[in-house]
């Protein structure tokens, strides 16, 4: 059945795009789906969409999933934090710790003490 794309308004076959991905706790309820044409669906996942603020839509979906207890975020990497503290106590500068452990400098600054 042909429908109208929510992104560009084109009539034709559409895909159901998950606002909050299933991997992050989203589901197949209509409130978490938006109908988009195949071209727009590719653009959404390719981050080439104009006119629709998909980051806001995703943030809203994540907030909703958190409120429902379905999304709790990524658990802290306690082993990484311990390694950061150890290297910091040995006198390593944050930039070298970051490169050594393949993490961001901000992560090093947050976990060095």
N, C-alpha and C. Protein backbone atom coordinates (compact mmCIF):
# COMPACT_ATOMS: atom_id res chain seq x y z
N UNK A 1 0.84 -1.18 0.00
CA UNK A 1 0.00 0.00 0.00
C UNK A 1 0.89 1.25 0.00
N UNK A 2 0.61 2.18 -0.89
CA UNK A 2 1.40 3.40 -0.97
C UNK A 2 0.94 4.41 0.08
N UNK A 3 1.92 5.08 0.67
CA UNK A 3 1.64 6.11 1.67
C UNK A 3 2.49 7.33 1.35
N UNK A 4 2.34 8.37 2.15
CA UNK A 4 3.10 9.60 1.96
C UNK A 4 4.31 9.58 2.89
N UNK A 5 5.47 9.95 2.36
CA UNK A 5 6.70 10.02 3.15
C UNK A 5 6.61 11.20 4.12
N UNK A 6 6.90 10.94 5.40
CA UNK A 6 6.87 12.02 6.40
C UNK A 6 8.00 13.02 6.20
N UNK A 7 9.01 12.62 5.47
CA UNK A 7 10.18 13.48 5.31
C UNK A 7 10.03 14.40 4.10
N UNK A 8 9.79 13.81 2.93
CA UNK A 8 9.75 14.62 1.71
C UNK A 8 8.35 14.79 1.13
N UNK A 9 7.38 14.02 1.64
CA UNK A 9 6.01 14.13 1.17
C UNK A 9 5.69 13.36 -0.09
N UNK A 10 6.66 12.60 -0.60
CA UNK A 10 6.44 11.83 -1.84
C UNK A 10 5.45 10.70 -1.59
N UNK A 11 4.61 10.44 -2.60
CA UNK A 11 3.66 9.32 -2.54
C UNK A 11 4.37 8.09 -3.08
N UNK A 12 4.13 6.95 -2.46
CA UNK A 12 4.71 5.72 -2.95
C UNK A 12 4.96 4.75 -1.81
N UNK A 13 5.71 3.70 -2.10
CA UNK A 13 6.00 2.73 -1.04
C UNK A 13 6.85 3.38 0.05
N UNK A 14 6.59 3.00 1.28
CA UNK A 14 7.34 3.58 2.40
C UNK A 14 7.93 2.49 3.28
N UNK A 15 8.91 2.88 4.06
CA UNK A 15 9.51 2.03 5.08
C UNK A 15 9.09 2.57 6.43
N UNK A 16 8.99 1.69 7.41
CA UNK A 16 8.72 2.13 8.78
C UNK A 16 10.08 2.34 9.45
N UNK A 17 10.40 3.58 9.79
CA UNK A 17 11.66 3.91 10.44
C UNK A 17 11.42 4.02 11.94
N UNK A 18 12.25 3.35 12.74
CA UNK A 18 12.14 3.42 14.20
C UNK A 18 12.79 4.72 14.68
N UNK A 19 12.03 5.52 15.42
CA UNK A 19 12.57 6.76 15.98
C UNK A 19 13.62 6.41 17.03
N UNK A 20 13.27 5.53 17.96
CA UNK A 20 14.24 4.98 18.91
C UNK A 20 14.55 3.57 18.44
N UNK A 21 15.79 3.29 18.02
CA UNK A 21 16.11 1.97 17.49
C UNK A 21 15.77 0.86 18.48
N UNK A 22 15.42 -0.29 17.94
CA UNK A 22 15.08 -1.43 18.78
C UNK A 22 16.27 -1.82 19.66
N UNK A 23 17.48 -1.62 19.16
CA UNK A 23 18.68 -1.95 19.93
C UNK A 23 18.81 -1.09 21.17
N UNK A 24 18.15 0.07 21.17
CA UNK A 24 18.22 0.97 22.33
C UNK A 24 16.93 0.96 23.14
N UNK A 25 16.11 -0.08 22.93
CA UNK A 25 14.90 -0.20 23.72
C UNK A 25 13.63 0.22 23.00
N UNK A 26 13.74 0.63 21.75
CA UNK A 26 12.56 1.00 20.98
C UNK A 26 11.72 -0.23 20.65
N UNK A 27 10.50 0.01 20.26
CA UNK A 27 9.62 -1.10 19.91
C UNK A 27 8.90 -0.80 18.61
N UNK A 28 7.96 -1.67 18.25
CA UNK A 28 7.24 -1.52 16.99
C UNK A 28 5.90 -0.81 17.13
N UNK A 29 5.68 -0.13 18.24
CA UNK A 29 4.43 0.61 18.41
C UNK A 29 4.40 1.78 17.43
N UNK A 30 3.22 2.13 16.94
CA UNK A 30 3.11 3.24 15.99
C UNK A 30 3.72 4.54 16.49
N UNK A 31 3.72 4.78 17.80
CA UNK A 31 4.29 6.02 18.33
C UNK A 31 5.81 6.08 18.16
N UNK A 32 6.45 4.93 17.89
CA UNK A 32 7.90 4.89 17.71
C UNK A 32 8.27 4.73 16.24
N UNK A 33 7.28 4.79 15.34
CA UNK A 33 7.55 4.59 13.92
C UNK A 33 7.17 5.82 13.12
N UNK A 34 7.90 6.06 12.05
CA UNK A 34 7.57 7.13 11.12
C UNK A 34 7.71 6.54 9.71
N UNK A 35 6.74 6.84 8.85
CA UNK A 35 6.75 6.32 7.48
C UNK A 35 7.62 7.21 6.60
N UNK A 36 8.63 6.62 5.97
CA UNK A 36 9.52 7.36 5.08
C UNK A 36 9.74 6.57 3.79
N UNK A 37 9.99 7.29 2.70
CA UNK A 37 10.28 6.61 1.44
C UNK A 37 11.67 5.97 1.54
N UNK A 38 11.96 4.99 0.68
CA UNK A 38 13.26 4.32 0.74
C UNK A 38 14.44 5.30 0.61
N UNK A 39 14.30 6.33 -0.23
CA UNK A 39 15.38 7.30 -0.41
C UNK A 39 15.64 8.08 0.89
N UNK A 40 14.56 8.55 1.52
CA UNK A 40 14.72 9.29 2.77
C UNK A 40 15.24 8.39 3.88
N UNK A 41 14.81 7.12 3.86
CA UNK A 41 15.29 6.18 4.89
C UNK A 41 16.80 6.04 4.78
N UNK A 42 17.30 5.94 3.56
CA UNK A 42 18.75 5.87 3.36
C UNK A 42 19.42 7.15 3.87
N UNK A 43 18.82 8.30 3.54
CA UNK A 43 19.38 9.57 3.98
C UNK A 43 19.43 9.69 5.49
N UNK A 44 18.37 9.22 6.16
CA UNK A 44 18.33 9.28 7.62
C UNK A 44 19.50 8.50 8.21
N UNK A 45 19.69 7.30 7.73
CA UNK A 45 20.76 6.48 8.27
C UNK A 45 22.12 6.93 7.75
N UNK A 46 22.12 7.68 6.64
CA UNK A 46 23.36 8.23 6.12
C UNK A 46 23.64 9.62 6.66
N UNK A 47 22.77 10.12 7.55
CA UNK A 47 22.89 11.44 8.18
C UNK A 47 22.90 12.57 7.16
N UNK A 48 22.12 12.43 6.07
CA UNK A 48 22.09 13.47 5.05
C UNK A 48 20.71 14.09 4.92
N UNK A 49 19.95 14.08 6.00
CA UNK A 49 18.59 14.59 5.95
C UNK A 49 18.57 16.09 6.18
N UNK A 50 17.74 16.80 5.42
CA UNK A 50 17.55 18.23 5.63
C UNK A 50 16.11 18.46 6.05
N UNK A 51 15.89 19.41 6.93
CA UNK A 51 14.54 19.81 7.27
C UNK A 51 13.93 19.11 8.46
N UNK A 52 14.45 17.96 8.84
CA UNK A 52 13.91 17.26 10.00
C UNK A 52 15.05 17.07 10.99
N UNK A 53 14.80 17.43 12.22
CA UNK A 53 15.82 17.33 13.26
C UNK A 53 15.75 15.94 13.89
N UNK A 54 16.44 14.99 13.25
CA UNK A 54 16.39 13.61 13.71
C UNK A 54 17.08 13.45 15.05
N UNK A 55 18.05 14.28 15.37
CA UNK A 55 18.71 14.19 16.68
C UNK A 55 17.71 14.46 17.79
N UNK A 56 16.86 15.48 17.58
CA UNK A 56 15.83 15.78 18.57
C UNK A 56 14.84 14.63 18.69
N UNK A 57 14.43 14.08 17.55
CA UNK A 57 13.50 12.95 17.58
C UNK A 57 14.12 11.77 18.33
N UNK A 58 15.38 11.52 18.07
CA UNK A 58 16.05 10.42 18.76
C UNK A 58 16.16 10.71 20.25
N UNK A 59 16.51 11.95 20.61
CA UNK A 59 16.62 12.32 22.02
C UNK A 59 15.28 12.16 22.73
N UNK A 60 14.20 12.54 22.05
CA UNK A 60 12.87 12.36 22.63
C UNK A 60 12.56 10.88 22.83
N UNK A 61 12.90 10.08 21.86
CA UNK A 61 12.67 8.64 21.96
C UNK A 61 13.46 8.01 23.09
N UNK A 62 14.71 8.43 23.24
CA UNK A 62 15.55 7.90 24.31
C UNK A 62 15.00 8.34 25.66
N UNK A 63 14.58 9.61 25.78
CA UNK A 63 14.00 10.09 27.03
C UNK A 63 12.75 9.29 27.39
N UNK A 64 11.94 9.00 26.39
CA UNK A 64 10.72 8.21 26.62
C UNK A 64 11.08 6.80 27.08
N UNK A 65 12.07 6.19 26.43
CA UNK A 65 12.49 4.84 26.81
C UNK A 65 13.08 4.83 28.21
N UNK A 66 13.82 5.87 28.58
CA UNK A 66 14.37 5.95 29.94
C UNK A 66 13.24 6.05 30.96
N UNK A 67 12.23 6.87 30.65
CA UNK A 67 11.09 7.03 31.56
C UNK A 67 10.35 5.71 31.75
N UNK A 68 10.32 4.88 30.70
CA UNK A 68 9.65 3.59 30.78
C UNK A 68 10.56 2.50 31.33
N UNK A 69 11.82 2.86 31.64
CA UNK A 69 12.76 1.89 32.19
C UNK A 69 13.36 0.93 31.18
N UNK A 70 13.26 1.25 29.89
CA UNK A 70 13.77 0.37 28.84
C UNK A 70 15.20 0.70 28.43
N UNK A 71 15.64 1.90 28.72
CA UNK A 71 16.97 2.36 28.29
C UNK A 71 17.70 2.93 29.49
N UNK A 72 18.81 2.33 29.81
CA UNK A 72 19.56 2.78 30.97
C UNK A 72 20.93 3.32 30.60
N UNK A 73 21.23 3.37 29.32
CA UNK A 73 22.53 3.87 28.87
C UNK A 73 23.59 2.78 28.94
N UNK A 74 24.77 3.14 28.53
CA UNK A 74 25.88 2.19 28.53
C UNK A 74 26.45 2.06 29.93
N UNK A 75 26.71 0.84 30.40
CA UNK A 75 27.29 0.69 31.74
C UNK A 75 28.73 1.20 31.75
N UNK A 76 29.21 1.71 32.90
CA UNK A 76 30.57 2.21 32.97
C UNK A 76 31.60 1.09 32.78
N UNK A 77 32.70 1.42 32.15
CA UNK A 77 33.77 0.45 31.92
C UNK A 77 34.75 0.56 33.09
N UNK A 78 34.50 -0.23 34.12
CA UNK A 78 35.29 -0.15 35.35
C UNK A 78 36.75 -0.52 35.13
N UNK A 79 37.01 -1.46 34.22
CA UNK A 79 38.41 -1.84 33.94
C UNK A 79 39.16 -0.66 33.31
N UNK A 80 38.53 0.03 32.37
CA UNK A 80 39.15 1.19 31.73
C UNK A 80 39.42 2.27 32.77
N UNK A 81 38.46 2.52 33.65
CA UNK A 81 38.62 3.55 34.67
C UNK A 81 39.78 3.21 35.60
N UNK A 82 39.91 1.94 35.95
CA UNK A 82 41.01 1.51 36.82
C UNK A 82 42.36 1.71 36.13
N UNK A 83 42.43 1.38 34.83
CA UNK A 83 43.68 1.57 34.08
C UNK A 83 44.04 3.05 33.98
N UNK A 84 43.03 3.91 33.79
CA UNK A 84 43.28 5.35 33.73
C UNK A 84 43.87 5.83 35.04
N UNK A 85 43.27 5.42 36.15
CA UNK A 85 43.77 5.83 37.47
C UNK A 85 45.18 5.35 37.70
N UNK A 86 45.48 4.11 37.28
CA UNK A 86 46.82 3.57 37.47
C UNK A 86 47.85 4.36 36.67
N UNK A 87 47.57 4.58 35.39
CA UNK A 87 48.52 5.33 34.55
C UNK A 87 48.68 6.76 35.04
N UNK A 88 47.59 7.36 35.52
CA UNK A 88 47.67 8.72 36.05
C UNK A 88 48.56 8.76 37.30
N UNK A 89 48.41 7.76 38.15
CA UNK A 89 49.24 7.72 39.37
C UNK A 89 50.71 7.48 39.04
N UNK A 90 50.98 6.88 37.88
CA UNK A 90 52.36 6.66 37.44
C UNK A 90 52.95 7.89 36.76
N UNK A 91 52.12 8.95 36.62
CA UNK A 91 52.62 10.20 36.06
C UNK A 91 52.40 10.39 34.57
N UNK A 92 51.63 9.56 33.94
CA UNK A 92 51.36 9.70 32.52
C UNK A 92 50.49 10.92 32.28
N UNK A 93 50.75 11.71 31.23
CA UNK A 93 49.87 12.83 30.89
C UNK A 93 48.57 12.33 30.25
N UNK A 94 47.48 13.06 30.41
CA UNK A 94 46.19 12.62 29.88
C UNK A 94 46.19 12.28 28.39
N UNK A 95 46.91 13.06 27.57
CA UNK A 95 46.91 12.78 26.13
C UNK A 95 47.54 11.42 25.82
N UNK A 96 48.59 11.06 26.54
CA UNK A 96 49.23 9.75 26.30
C UNK A 96 48.37 8.61 26.85
N UNK A 97 47.71 8.84 27.97
CA UNK A 97 46.79 7.82 28.50
C UNK A 97 45.69 7.57 27.49
N UNK A 98 45.16 8.64 26.93
CA UNK A 98 44.09 8.55 25.95
C UNK A 98 44.51 7.71 24.75
N UNK A 99 45.70 7.97 24.23
CA UNK A 99 46.19 7.22 23.07
C UNK A 99 46.48 5.77 23.44
N UNK A 100 47.06 5.57 24.60
CA UNK A 100 47.42 4.21 25.05
C UNK A 100 46.18 3.33 25.22
N UNK A 101 45.11 3.90 25.79
CA UNK A 101 43.91 3.12 26.09
C UNK A 101 42.82 3.26 25.03
N UNK A 102 43.12 4.03 23.97
CA UNK A 102 42.17 4.23 22.87
C UNK A 102 40.82 4.76 23.37
N UNK A 103 40.88 5.83 24.13
CA UNK A 103 39.67 6.48 24.63
C UNK A 103 39.86 7.99 24.50
N UNK A 104 38.82 8.74 24.70
CA UNK A 104 38.90 10.18 24.59
C UNK A 104 39.60 10.82 25.79
N UNK A 105 40.19 11.96 25.55
CA UNK A 105 40.87 12.69 26.63
C UNK A 105 39.87 13.08 27.72
N UNK A 106 38.64 13.41 27.33
CA UNK A 106 37.61 13.77 28.31
C UNK A 106 37.35 12.61 29.26
N UNK A 107 37.38 11.38 28.74
CA UNK A 107 37.20 10.20 29.59
C UNK A 107 38.33 10.11 30.61
N UNK A 108 39.53 10.41 30.16
CA UNK A 108 40.69 10.38 31.07
C UNK A 108 40.52 11.42 32.16
N UNK A 109 40.15 12.65 31.80
CA UNK A 109 39.98 13.71 32.78
C UNK A 109 38.88 13.37 33.80
N UNK A 110 37.80 12.74 33.33
CA UNK A 110 36.68 12.39 34.23
C UNK A 110 37.06 11.29 35.21
N UNK A 111 38.00 10.43 34.86
CA UNK A 111 38.26 9.23 35.66
C UNK A 111 39.67 9.13 36.25
N UNK A 112 40.43 10.20 36.25
CA UNK A 112 41.81 10.08 36.72
C UNK A 112 41.93 10.18 38.23
N UNK A 113 40.96 10.72 38.93
CA UNK A 113 41.07 10.82 40.39
C UNK A 113 40.13 9.89 41.11
